[in-house]
Amino acid sequence: MKTALNTVKKTYAFASLLEDFKQLTKVGLAISVVFSSLAGYLLAVGADGFSFKILSLLALGGYFMVGASNAFNQIIERDLDALMDRTKDRPIPSGRMSVTTAFIIAAIFTVLGIAILYVINPRTAMFGAISIFLYTCVYTPLKTKTPLAVFVGAFPGAIPFMLGWVAATNKFGIEPGILFMIQFFWQFPHFWAIGWFLYEDYEKGGFFMLPTGKRNKATALQIIMYTVWLILISIFPVSGLTGELQLSVVAAILVFLSGIGLLYYGIRLYKNMDKKSAKALMLASVGYITLMQIIFVVDKFLQ
């Protein structure tokens, strides 16, 4: 009987530890970032240049890179996280994990992430390191200082899509530059929508996430403007002016229609000015970036 109870306790303790680890490294976010990197890689390689080894290293290194950034972020913001409903149960503010343990995980993930990306090529490792630095040392401290933090955070947030191309080619040119710009402009409607429907919670932590600092028409209008820029840059490869990154007319139409769908939710937020519309916009933005990347990759292999 005691053996069975001890087994149950150990199983529960392991499950709890695993859940804390997942929260610290934000597994869901890490997976979406890895997806973007893999999409960028597939856009860069031909059928004869595909390497499962590189793809695996990119996925693993990308996960460590994102996990490290999130862990450092939660260490820095632990006192503020304790004030907000959505974050107060995270491992560090809840007391389930010490700062030392979190720092060790973050440090190990940083070393492993950069080392694995370096095996692919030095440029990939360099961009990975830049991403961790900007997210941890620039974006995170600015979140309580200025709404411009979202602009700064858009830089590390935009790196994953282009990282896959750099991993495949060991080059940075117009092609990864366009991929970077697509994900860069996407950050604004996505994170401003989050900042809108979680406004009260962010206010408790003293975070400035909206461009005007308020849920008003000016903020909603900026969301619409950045969404328009996102749509334009997303279909730009159909022009044939983006090097090896090409988009067929059919694919461009599909991406455009997806963008119009996202724009609809931005306009609805401008009209309704409510949290429900903001949350719908956030979900639509996730759907857009995923669908757009799938269209790009499928179109590439159908050409």
C-alpha atoms as a PDB file:
ATOM      1  CA  MET A   1       0.000   0.000   0.000  1.00  0.00           C
ATOM      2  CA  LYS A   2       2.799   2.404   0.967  1.00  0.00           C
ATOM      3  CA  THR A   3       4.641   1.570  -2.235  1.00  0.00           C
ATOM      4  CA  ALA A   4       1.553   2.412  -4.273  1.00  0.00           C
ATOM      5  CA  LEU A   5       1.080   5.710  -2.412  1.00  0.00           C
ATOM      6  CA  ASN A   6       4.723   6.636  -2.863  1.00  0.00           C
ATOM      7  CA  THR A   7       4.457   5.880  -6.578  1.00  0.00           C
ATOM      8  CA  VAL A   8       1.366   8.094  -6.842  1.00  0.00           C
ATOM      9  CA  LYS A   9       3.119  10.915  -4.960  1.00  0.00           C
ATOM     10  CA  LYS A  10       6.195  10.693  -7.163  1.00  0.00           C
ATOM     11  CA  THR A  11       4.058  10.659 -10.297  1.00  0.00           C
ATOM     12  CA  TYR A  12       2.125  13.701  -9.098  1.00  0.00           C
ATOM     13  CA  ALA A  13       5.343  15.520  -8.136  1.00  0.00           C
ATOM     14  CA  PHE A  14       6.859  14.797 -11.548  1.00  0.00           C
ATOM     15  CA  ALA A  15       3.704  15.958 -13.338  1.00  0.00           C
ATOM     16  CA  SER A  16       3.684  19.151 -11.262  1.00  0.00           C
ATOM     17  CA  LEU A  17       7.366  19.769 -11.989  1.00  0.00           C
ATOM     18  CA  LEU A  18       6.803  19.182 -15.700  1.00  0.00           C
ATOM     19  CA  GLU A  19       3.872  21.611 -15.716  1.00  0.00           C
ATOM     20  CA  ASP A  20       5.998  24.287 -14.002  1.00  0.00           C
ATOM     21  CA  PHE A  21       8.746  23.707 -16.542  1.00  0.00           C
ATOM     22  CA  LYS A  22       6.240  24.131 -19.381  1.00  0.00           C
ATOM     23  CA  GLN A  23       4.931  27.371 -17.851  1.00  0.00           C
ATOM     24  CA  LEU A  24       8.409  28.767 -17.305  1.00  0.00           C
ATOM     25  CA  THR A  25       9.478  28.147 -20.890  1.00  0.00           C
ATOM     26  CA  LYS A  26       5.987  28.796 -22.377  1.00  0.00           C
ATOM     27  CA  VAL A  27       5.856  25.630 -24.444  1.00  0.00           C
ATOM     28  CA  GLY A  28       2.830  26.755 -26.467  1.00  0.00           C
ATOM     29  CA  LEU A  29       4.538  29.965 -27.549  1.00  0.00           C
ATOM     30  CA  ALA A  30       7.789  28.101 -28.201  1.00  0.00           C
ATOM     31  CA  ILE A  31       6.025  25.666 -30.520  1.00  0.00           C
ATOM     32  CA  SER A  32       4.492  28.505 -32.554  1.00  0.00           C
ATOM     33  CA  VAL A  33       7.909  30.165 -32.852  1.00  0.00           C
ATOM     34  CA  VAL A  34       9.512  26.885 -33.934  1.00  0.00           C
ATOM     35  CA  PHE A  35       6.740  26.483 -36.524  1.00  0.00           C
ATOM     36  CA  SER A  36       7.665  29.878 -37.995  1.00  0.00           C
ATOM     37  CA  SER A  37      11.339  28.912 -38.156  1.00  0.00           C
ATOM     38  CA  LEU A  38      10.584  25.623 -39.868  1.00  0.00           C
ATOM     39  CA  ALA A  39       8.360  27.423 -42.383  1.00  0.00           C
ATOM     40  CA  GLY A  40      11.209  29.811 -43.160  1.00  0.00           C
ATOM     41  CA  TYR A  41      13.553  26.866 -43.654  1.00  0.00           C
ATOM     42  CA  LEU A  42      11.182  25.085 -46.034  1.00  0.00           C
ATOM     43  CA  LEU A  43      10.798  28.271 -48.068  1.00  0.00           C
ATOM     44  CA  ALA A  44      14.558  28.411 -48.575  1.00  0.00           C
ATOM     45  CA  VAL A  45      15.363  24.827 -49.524  1.00  0.00           C
ATOM     46  CA  GLY A  46      14.544  22.837 -52.609  1.00  0.00           C
ATOM     47  CA  ALA A  47      13.545  19.185 -52.565  1.00  0.00           C
ATOM     48  CA  ASP A  48      17.171  18.180 -53.162  1.00  0.00           C
ATOM     49  CA  GLY A  49      18.549  20.501 -50.470  1.00  0.00           C
ATOM     50  CA  PHE A  50      16.288  19.390 -47.633  1.00  0.00           C
ATOM     51  CA  SER A  51      18.113  18.157 -44.526  1.00  0.00           C
ATOM     52  CA  PHE A  52      16.186  16.505 -41.717  1.00  0.00           C
ATOM     53  CA  LYS A  53      19.224  17.027 -39.499  1.00  0.00           C
ATOM     54  CA  ILE A  54      19.190  20.808 -40.025  1.00  0.00           C
ATOM     55  CA  LEU A  55      15.420  20.890 -39.553  1.00  0.00           C
ATOM     56  CA  SER A  56      15.717  19.002 -36.261  1.00  0.00           C
ATOM     57  CA  LEU A  57      18.553  21.211 -35.011  1.00  0.00           C
ATOM     58  CA  LEU A  58      16.571  24.317 -35.935  1.00  0.00           C
ATOM     59  CA  ALA A  59      13.509  23.089 -34.063  1.00  0.00           C
ATOM     60  CA  LEU A  60      15.522  22.123 -30.973  1.00  0.00           C
ATOM     61  CA  GLY A  61      17.701  25.226 -30.971  1.00  0.00           C
ATOM     62  CA  GLY A  62      14.679  27.439 -31.580  1.00  0.00           C
ATOM     63  CA  TYR A  63      12.830  25.898 -28.648  1.00  0.00           C
ATOM     64  CA  PHE A  64      15.798  26.443 -26.325  1.00  0.00           C
ATOM     65  CA  MET A  65      16.127  30.019 -27.574  1.00  0.00           C
ATOM     66  CA  VAL A  66      12.486  30.870 -26.851  1.00  0.00           C
ATOM     67  CA  GLY A  67      12.481  28.939 -23.590  1.00  0.00           C
ATOM     68  CA  ALA A  68      15.520  30.865 -22.357  1.00  0.00           C
ATOM     69  CA  SER A  69      13.955  34.223 -23.248  1.00  0.00           C
ATOM     70  CA  ASN A  70      10.721  33.370 -21.455  1.00  0.00           C
ATOM     71  CA  ALA A  71      12.512  32.066 -18.378  1.00  0.00           C
ATOM     72  CA  PHE A  72      14.659  35.202 -18.067  1.00  0.00           C
ATOM     73  CA  ASN A  73      11.533  37.306 -18.610  1.00  0.00           C
ATOM     74  CA  GLN A  74       9.721  35.594 -15.733  1.00  0.00           C
ATOM     75  CA  ILE A  75      12.724  35.980 -13.442  1.00  0.00           C
ATOM     76  CA  ILE A  76      12.879  39.719 -14.100  1.00  0.00           C
ATOM     77  CA  GLU A  77       9.127  40.245 -13.821  1.00  0.00           C
ATOM     78  CA  ARG A  78       8.462  37.892 -10.898  1.00  0.00           C
ATOM     79  CA  ASP A  79       7.273  40.635  -8.519  1.00  0.00           C
ATOM     80  CA  LEU A  80       5.010  42.176 -11.161  1.00  0.00           C
ATOM     81  CA  ASP A  81       3.685  38.775 -12.214  1.00  0.00           C
ATOM     82  CA  ALA A  82       2.519  38.255  -8.645  1.00  0.00           C
ATOM     83  CA  LEU A  83       0.209  41.269  -9.024  1.00  0.00           C
ATOM     84  CA  MET A  84      -1.631  40.080 -12.141  1.00  0.00           C
ATOM     85  CA  ASP A  85      -4.354  37.442 -12.244  1.00  0.00           C
ATOM     86  CA  ARG A  86      -3.101  35.770 -15.420  1.00  0.00           C
ATOM     87  CA  THR A  87       0.481  35.393 -14.147  1.00  0.00           C
ATOM     88  CA  LYS A  88       0.302  35.102 -10.355  1.00  0.00           C
ATOM     89  CA  ASP A  89       0.199  31.298 -10.543  1.00  0.00           C
ATOM     90  CA  ARG A  90       3.385  31.059 -12.583  1.00  0.00           C
ATOM     91  CA  PRO A  91       6.116  28.912 -10.973  1.00  0.00           C
ATOM     92  CA  ILE A  92       8.251  31.752  -9.553  1.00  0.00           C
ATOM     93  CA  PRO A  93       5.645  34.195  -8.125  1.00  0.00           C
ATOM     94  CA  SER A  94       3.638  31.270  -6.722  1.00  0.00           C
ATOM     95  CA  GLY A  95       6.736  30.038  -4.876  1.00  0.00           C
ATOM     96  CA  ARG A  96       6.809  26.615  -6.537  1.00  0.00           C
ATOM     97  CA  MET A  97      10.168  27.372  -8.193  1.00  0.00           C
ATOM     98  CA  SER A  98      13.095  29.386  -6.873  1.00  0.00           C
ATOM     99  CA  VAL A  99      14.758  32.160  -8.850  1.00  0.00           C
ATOM    100  CA  THR A 100      18.003  30.187  -8.740  1.00  0.00           C
ATOM    101  CA  THR A 101      16.395  27.129 -10.327  1.00  0.00           C
ATOM    102  CA  ALA A 102      14.755  29.268 -13.005  1.00  0.00           C
ATOM    103  CA  PHE A 103      18.049  31.039 -13.720  1.00  0.00           C
ATOM    104  CA  ILE A 104      19.892  27.730 -14.089  1.00  0.00           C
ATOM    105  CA  ILE A 105      17.265  26.537 -16.581  1.00  0.00           C
ATOM    106  CA  ALA A 106      17.448  29.831 -18.481  1.00  0.00           C
ATOM    107  CA  ALA A 107      21.246  29.762 -18.586  1.00  0.00           C
ATOM    108  CA  ILE A 108      21.389  26.149 -19.764  1.00  0.00           C
ATOM    109  CA  PHE A 109      18.773  26.834 -22.424  1.00  0.00           C
ATOM    110  CA  THR A 110      20.730  29.865 -23.629  1.00  0.00           C
ATOM    111  CA  VAL A 111      23.970  27.924 -24.002  1.00  0.00           C
ATOM    112  CA  LEU A 112      22.286  24.920 -25.606  1.00  0.00           C
ATOM    113  CA  GLY A 113      20.189  27.060 -27.947  1.00  0.00           C
ATOM    114  CA  ILE A 114      23.081  29.123 -29.260  1.00  0.00           C
ATOM    115  CA  ALA A 115      25.381  26.082 -29.480  1.00  0.00           C
ATOM    116  CA  ILE A 116      22.845  24.046 -31.457  1.00  0.00           C
ATOM    117  CA  LEU A 117      22.111  26.934 -33.809  1.00  0.00           C
ATOM    118  CA  TYR A 118      25.869  27.439 -34.253  1.00  0.00           C
ATOM    119  CA  VAL A 119      26.157  23.838 -35.467  1.00  0.00           C
ATOM    120  CA  ILE A 120      23.783  24.845 -38.275  1.00  0.00           C
ATOM    121  CA  ASN A 121      25.838  27.952 -39.107  1.00  0.00           C
ATOM    122  CA  PRO A 122      27.273  30.994 -37.254  1.00  0.00           C
ATOM    123  CA  ARG A 123      24.736  33.485 -38.651  1.00  0.00           C
ATOM    124  CA  THR A 124      21.813  31.479 -37.312  1.00  0.00           C
ATOM    125  CA  ALA A 125      23.445  31.408 -33.873  1.00  0.00           C
ATOM    126  CA  MET A 126      24.118  35.147 -34.049  1.00  0.00           C
ATOM    127  CA  PHE A 127      20.479  35.991 -34.778  1.00  0.00           C
ATOM    128  CA  GLY A 128      19.369  33.600 -32.053  1.00  0.00           C
ATOM    129  CA  ALA A 129      21.639  35.324 -29.540  1.00  0.00           C
ATOM    130  CA  ILE A 130      20.411  38.760 -30.657  1.00  0.00           C
ATOM    131  CA  SER A 131      16.837  37.617 -30.147  1.00  0.00           C
ATOM    132  CA  ILE A 132      17.483  36.483 -26.562  1.00  0.00           C
ATOM    133  CA  PHE A 133      19.367  39.696 -25.756  1.00  0.00           C
ATOM    134  CA  LEU A 134      16.729  42.052 -27.167  1.00  0.00           C
ATOM    135  CA  TYR A 135      13.829  40.209 -25.551  1.00  0.00           C
ATOM    136  CA  THR A 136      15.473  39.912 -22.138  1.00  0.00           C
ATOM    137  CA  CYS A 137      17.603  43.019 -21.801  1.00  0.00           C
ATOM    138  CA  VAL A 138      15.674  45.609 -23.833  1.00  0.00           C
ATOM    139  CA  TYR A 139      12.042  44.636 -24.366  1.00  0.00           C
ATOM    140  CA  THR A 140      11.344  43.275 -20.870  1.00  0.00           C
ATOM    141  CA  PRO A 141      12.619  46.325 -18.914  1.00  0.00           C
ATOM    142  CA  LEU A 142      10.836  48.720 -21.300  1.00  0.00           C
ATOM    143  CA  LYS A 143       7.398  47.161 -20.737  1.00  0.00           C
ATOM    144  CA  THR A 144       6.906  49.203 -17.565  1.00  0.00           C
ATOM    145  CA  LYS A 145       8.430  52.359 -19.062  1.00  0.00           C
ATOM    146  CA  THR A 146       6.860  53.055 -22.441  1.00  0.00           C
ATOM    147  CA  PRO A 147       4.381  51.713 -25.024  1.00  0.00           C
ATOM    148  CA  LEU A 148       7.354  51.653 -27.419  1.00  0.00           C
ATOM    149  CA  ALA A 149       8.256  48.369 -25.745  1.00  0.00           C
ATOM    150  CA  VAL A 150       5.954  46.620 -28.226  1.00  0.00           C
ATOM    151  CA  PHE A 151       7.926  48.163 -31.108  1.00  0.00           C
ATOM    152  CA  VAL A 152      11.206  46.989 -29.576  1.00  0.00           C
ATOM    153  CA  GLY A 153       9.761  43.562 -28.808  1.00  0.00           C
ATOM    154  CA  ALA A 154       8.664  43.207 -32.422  1.00  0.00           C
ATOM    155  CA  PHE A 155      12.330  42.821 -33.452  1.00  0.00           C
ATOM    156  CA  PRO A 156      13.111  39.601 -31.544  1.00  0.00           C
ATOM    157  CA  GLY A 157       9.564  38.453 -32.265  1.00  0.00           C
ATOM    158  CA  ALA A 158      10.146  38.792 -36.002  1.00  0.00           C
ATOM    159  CA  ILE A 159      13.424  36.868 -36.106  1.00  0.00           C
ATOM    160  CA  PRO A 160      12.093  33.249 -36.098  1.00  0.00           C
ATOM    161  CA  PHE A 161      10.495  33.335 -39.582  1.00  0.00           C
ATOM    162  CA  MET A 162      13.694  34.637 -41.190  1.00  0.00           C
ATOM    163  CA  LEU A 163      15.864  32.404 -38.986  1.00  0.00           C
ATOM    164  CA  GLY A 164      14.795  29.333 -40.945  1.00  0.00           C
ATOM    165  CA  TRP A 165      15.939  30.908 -44.221  1.00  0.00           C
ATOM    166  CA  VAL A 166      19.296  31.860 -42.725  1.00  0.00           C
ATOM    167  CA  ALA A 167      19.659  28.329 -41.336  1.00  0.00           C
ATOM    168  CA  ALA A 168      19.129  26.897 -44.817  1.00  0.00           C
ATOM    169  CA  THR A 169      21.347  29.326 -46.735  1.00  0.00           C
ATOM    170  CA  ASN A 170      23.770  30.889 -44.231  1.00  0.00           C
ATOM    171  CA  LYS A 171      22.930  34.189 -45.948  1.00  0.00           C
ATOM    172  CA  PHE A 172      20.927  37.292 -45.099  1.00  0.00           C
ATOM    173  CA  GLY A 173      19.404  39.113 -48.051  1.00  0.00           C
ATOM    174  CA  ILE A 174      16.096  40.408 -49.306  1.00  0.00           C
ATOM    175  CA  GLU A 175      14.349  37.060 -48.864  1.00  0.00           C
ATOM    176  CA  PRO A 176      14.840  36.681 -45.084  1.00  0.00           C
ATOM    177  CA  GLY A 177      14.411  40.458 -44.857  1.00  0.00           C
ATOM    178  CA  ILE A 178      10.868  40.158 -46.261  1.00  0.00           C
ATOM    179  CA  LEU A 179      10.081  37.256 -43.929  1.00  0.00           C
ATOM    180  CA  PHE A 180      11.314  39.391 -41.045  1.00  0.00           C
ATOM    181  CA  MET A 181       9.125  42.326 -42.094  1.00  0.00           C
ATOM    182  CA  ILE A 182       6.018  40.152 -42.377  1.00  0.00           C
ATOM    183  CA  GLN A 183       6.328  38.868 -38.832  1.00  0.00           C
ATOM    184  CA  PHE A 184       7.446  42.298 -37.603  1.00  0.00           C
ATOM    185  CA  PHE A 185       4.259  44.047 -38.729  1.00  0.00           C
ATOM    186  CA  TRP A 186       2.163  41.117 -37.505  1.00  0.00           C
ATOM    187  CA  GLN A 187       3.327  41.741 -33.929  1.00  0.00           C
ATOM    188  CA  PHE A 188       1.373  44.993 -33.616  1.00  0.00           C
ATOM    189  CA  PRO A 189      -2.248  43.921 -34.182  1.00  0.00           C
ATOM    190  CA  HIS A 190      -1.506  40.729 -32.259  1.00  0.00           C
ATOM    191  CA  PHE A 191       0.015  42.244 -29.113  1.00  0.00           C
ATOM    192  CA  TRP A 192      -2.133  45.369 -29.081  1.00  0.00           C
ATOM    193  CA  ALA A 193      -5.189  43.107 -29.163  1.00  0.00           C
ATOM    194  CA  ILE A 194      -3.793  41.234 -26.150  1.00  0.00           C
ATOM    195  CA  GLY A 195      -2.998  44.526 -24.434  1.00  0.00           C
ATOM    196  CA  TRP A 196      -6.579  45.651 -25.055  1.00  0.00           C
ATOM    197  CA  PHE A 197      -8.533  42.723 -23.585  1.00  0.00           C
ATOM    198  CA  LEU A 198      -6.059  42.257 -20.722  1.00  0.00           C
ATOM    199  CA  TYR A 199      -5.792  46.006 -20.083  1.00  0.00           C
ATOM    200  CA  GLU A 200      -6.885  45.920 -16.428  1.00  0.00           C
ATOM    201  CA  ASP A 201      -4.553  43.052 -15.602  1.00  0.00           C
ATOM    202  CA  TYR A 202      -1.585  44.725 -17.292  1.00  0.00           C
ATOM    203  CA  GLU A 203      -2.432  47.904 -15.415  1.00  0.00           C
ATOM    204  CA  LYS A 204      -1.976  46.058 -12.105  1.00  0.00           C
ATOM    205  CA  GLY A 205       1.570  45.188 -13.127  1.00  0.00           C
ATOM    206  CA  GLY A 206       2.288  48.667 -14.483  1.00  0.00           C
ATOM    207  CA  PHE A 207       2.772  47.504 -18.066  1.00  0.00           C
ATOM    208  CA  PHE A 208       2.279  49.895 -20.987  1.00  0.00           C
ATOM    209  CA  MET A 209       1.163  47.770 -23.938  1.00  0.00           C
ATOM    210  CA  LEU A 210      -1.142  50.007 -26.000  1.00  0.00           C
ATOM    211  CA  PRO A 211       0.348  52.670 -28.306  1.00  0.00           C
ATOM    212  CA  THR A 212      -1.658  55.526 -26.773  1.00  0.00           C
ATOM    213  CA  GLY A 213      -1.733  53.988 -23.311  1.00  0.00           C
ATOM    214  CA  LYS A 214      -5.518  53.740 -23.520  1.00  0.00           C
ATOM    215  CA  ARG A 215      -8.269  51.666 -25.126  1.00  0.00           C
ATOM    216  CA  ASN A 216      -9.439  54.354 -27.507  1.00  0.00           C
ATOM    217  CA  LYS A 217     -10.124  55.012 -31.192  1.00  0.00           C
ATOM    218  CA  ALA A 218      -6.527  56.109 -31.788  1.00  0.00           C
ATOM    219  CA  THR A 219      -5.220  52.733 -30.622  1.00  0.00           C
ATOM    220  CA  ALA A 220      -7.802  50.869 -32.714  1.00  0.00           C
ATOM    221  CA  LEU A 221      -6.906  52.987 -35.748  1.00  0.00           C
ATOM    222  CA  GLN A 222      -3.216  52.142 -35.375  1.00  0.00           C
ATOM    223  CA  ILE A 223      -4.130  48.459 -35.243  1.00  0.00           C
ATOM    224  CA  ILE A 224      -5.949  48.869 -38.568  1.00  0.00           C
ATOM    225  CA  MET A 225      -3.026  50.764 -40.121  1.00  0.00           C
ATOM    226  CA  TYR A 226      -0.449  48.149 -39.125  1.00  0.00           C
ATOM    227  CA  THR A 227      -2.746  45.390 -40.364  1.00  0.00           C
ATOM    228  CA  VAL A 228      -2.865  47.076 -43.777  1.00  0.00           C
ATOM    229  CA  TRP A 229       0.939  47.238 -43.845  1.00  0.00           C
ATOM    230  CA  LEU A 230       1.043  43.558 -42.857  1.00  0.00           C
ATOM    231  CA  ILE A 231      -1.214  42.611 -45.763  1.00  0.00           C
ATOM    232  CA  LEU A 232       0.842  44.622 -48.252  1.00  0.00           C
ATOM    233  CA  ILE A 233       4.199  43.190 -47.192  1.00  0.00           C
ATOM    234  CA  SER A 234       2.740  39.659 -47.094  1.00  0.00           C
ATOM    235  CA  ILE A 235       1.701  39.767 -50.754  1.00  0.00           C
ATOM    236  CA  PHE A 236       4.748  41.718 -51.962  1.00  0.00           C
ATOM    237  CA  PRO A 237       6.646  38.554 -53.076  1.00  0.00           C
ATOM    238  CA  VAL A 238       4.109  38.192 -55.925  1.00  0.00           C
ATOM    239  CA  SER A 239       5.852  41.199 -57.515  1.00  0.00           C
ATOM    240  CA  GLY A 240       8.898  39.111 -58.375  1.00  0.00           C
ATOM    241  CA  LEU A 241      11.162  41.684 -56.702  1.00  0.00           C
ATOM    242  CA  THR A 242      12.061  39.545 -53.701  1.00  0.00           C
ATOM    243  CA  GLY A 243      14.799  37.324 -55.058  1.00  0.00           C
ATOM    244  CA  GLU A 244      14.209  33.615 -54.596  1.00  0.00           C
ATOM    245  CA  LEU A 245      11.215  34.215 -52.342  1.00  0.00           C
ATOM    246  CA  GLN A 246       8.321  34.036 -54.786  1.00  0.00           C
ATOM    247  CA  LEU A 247       4.551  33.891 -54.472  1.00  0.00           C
ATOM    248  CA  SER A 248       2.146  32.847 -57.215  1.00  0.00           C
ATOM    249  CA  VAL A 249      -0.872  34.966 -58.079  1.00  0.00           C
ATOM    250  CA  VAL A 250      -3.250  32.360 -56.639  1.00  0.00           C
ATOM    251  CA  ALA A 251      -1.294  32.168 -53.389  1.00  0.00           C
ATOM    252  CA  ALA A 252      -1.118  35.960 -53.182  1.00  0.00           C
ATOM    253  CA  ILE A 253      -4.906  36.139 -53.536  1.00  0.00           C
ATOM    254  CA  LEU A 254      -5.335  33.597 -50.744  1.00  0.00           C
ATOM    255  CA  VAL A 255      -2.945  35.518 -48.482  1.00  0.00           C
ATOM    256  CA  PHE A 256      -4.732  38.768 -49.352  1.00  0.00           C
ATOM    257  CA  LEU A 257      -8.140  37.317 -48.510  1.00  0.00           C
ATOM    258  CA  SER A 258      -6.769  36.006 -45.217  1.00  0.00           C
ATOM    259  CA  GLY A 259      -5.472  39.494 -44.506  1.00  0.00           C
ATOM    260  CA  ILE A 260      -8.855  41.014 -45.293  1.00  0.00           C
ATOM    261  CA  GLY A 261     -10.323  38.621 -42.744  1.00  0.00           C
ATOM    262  CA  LEU A 262      -7.864  39.895 -40.149  1.00  0.00           C
ATOM    263  CA  LEU A 263      -8.585  43.480 -41.146  1.00  0.00           C
ATOM    264  CA  TYR A 264     -12.297  42.832 -40.590  1.00  0.00           C
ATOM    265  CA  TYR A 265     -11.618  42.016 -36.947  1.00  0.00           C
ATOM    266  CA  GLY A 266      -9.502  45.152 -36.597  1.00  0.00           C
ATOM    267  CA  ILE A 267     -12.331  47.272 -38.002  1.00  0.00           C
ATOM    268  CA  ARG A 268     -14.808  45.510 -35.727  1.00  0.00           C
ATOM    269  CA  LEU A 269     -12.672  46.450 -32.736  1.00  0.00           C
ATOM    270  CA  TYR A 270     -12.631  50.072 -33.950  1.00  0.00           C
ATOM    271  CA  LYS A 271     -16.405  49.972 -34.176  1.00  0.00           C
ATOM    272  CA  ASN A 272     -17.234  48.105 -30.946  1.00  0.00           C
ATOM    273  CA  MET A 273     -14.320  49.146 -28.690  1.00  0.00           C
ATOM    274  CA  ASP A 274     -14.783  46.122 -26.432  1.00  0.00           C
ATOM    275  CA  LYS A 275     -12.714  43.276 -24.988  1.00  0.00           C
ATOM    276  CA  LYS A 276     -14.671  40.633 -26.880  1.00  0.00           C
ATOM    277  CA  SER A 277     -13.678  42.163 -30.218  1.00  0.00           C
ATOM    278  CA  ALA A 278     -10.052  42.499 -29.066  1.00  0.00           C
ATOM    279  CA  LYS A 279      -9.879  38.824 -28.105  1.00  0.00           C
ATOM    280  CA  ALA A 280     -11.411  37.842 -31.451  1.00  0.00           C
ATOM    281  CA  LEU A 281      -8.748  39.956 -33.186  1.00  0.00           C
ATOM    282  CA  MET A 282      -5.981  38.241 -31.228  1.00  0.00           C
ATOM    283  CA  LEU A 283      -7.254  34.783 -32.221  1.00  0.00           C
ATOM    284  CA  ALA A 284      -7.653  35.925 -35.826  1.00  0.00           C
ATOM    285  CA  SER A 285      -4.055  37.172 -35.854  1.00  0.00           C
ATOM    286  CA  VAL A 286      -2.786  33.752 -34.732  1.00  0.00           C
ATOM    287  CA  GLY A 287      -4.860  32.135 -37.448  1.00  0.00           C
ATOM    288  CA  TYR A 288      -3.560  34.582 -40.043  1.00  0.00           C
ATOM    289  CA  ILE A 289       0.152  34.108 -39.382  1.00  0.00           C
ATOM    290  CA  THR A 290      -0.216  30.317 -39.349  1.00  0.00           C
ATOM    291  CA  LEU A 291      -2.332  30.152 -42.508  1.00  0.00           C
ATOM    292  CA  MET A 292      -0.106  32.651 -44.325  1.00  0.00           C
ATOM    293  CA  GLN A 293       3.014  30.597 -43.606  1.00  0.00           C
ATOM    294  CA  ILE A 294       1.302  27.393 -44.733  1.00  0.00           C
ATOM    295  CA  ILE A 295       0.196  29.069 -47.985  1.00  0.00           C
ATOM    296  CA  PHE A 296       3.745  30.311 -48.623  1.00  0.00           C
ATOM    297  CA  VAL A 297       5.262  26.862 -48.070  1.00  0.00           C
ATOM    298  CA  VAL A 298       2.650  24.916 -50.078  1.00  0.00           C
ATOM    299  CA  ASP A 299       2.882  27.426 -52.918  1.00  0.00           C
ATOM    300  CA  LYS A 300       6.662  27.111 -52.980  1.00  0.00           C
ATOM    301  CA  PHE A 301       6.517  23.351 -53.434  1.00  0.00           C
ATOM    302  CA  LEU A 302       3.731  23.541 -56.037  1.00  0.00           C
ATOM    303  CA  GLN A 303       5.651  25.954 -58.268  1.00  0.00           C
END
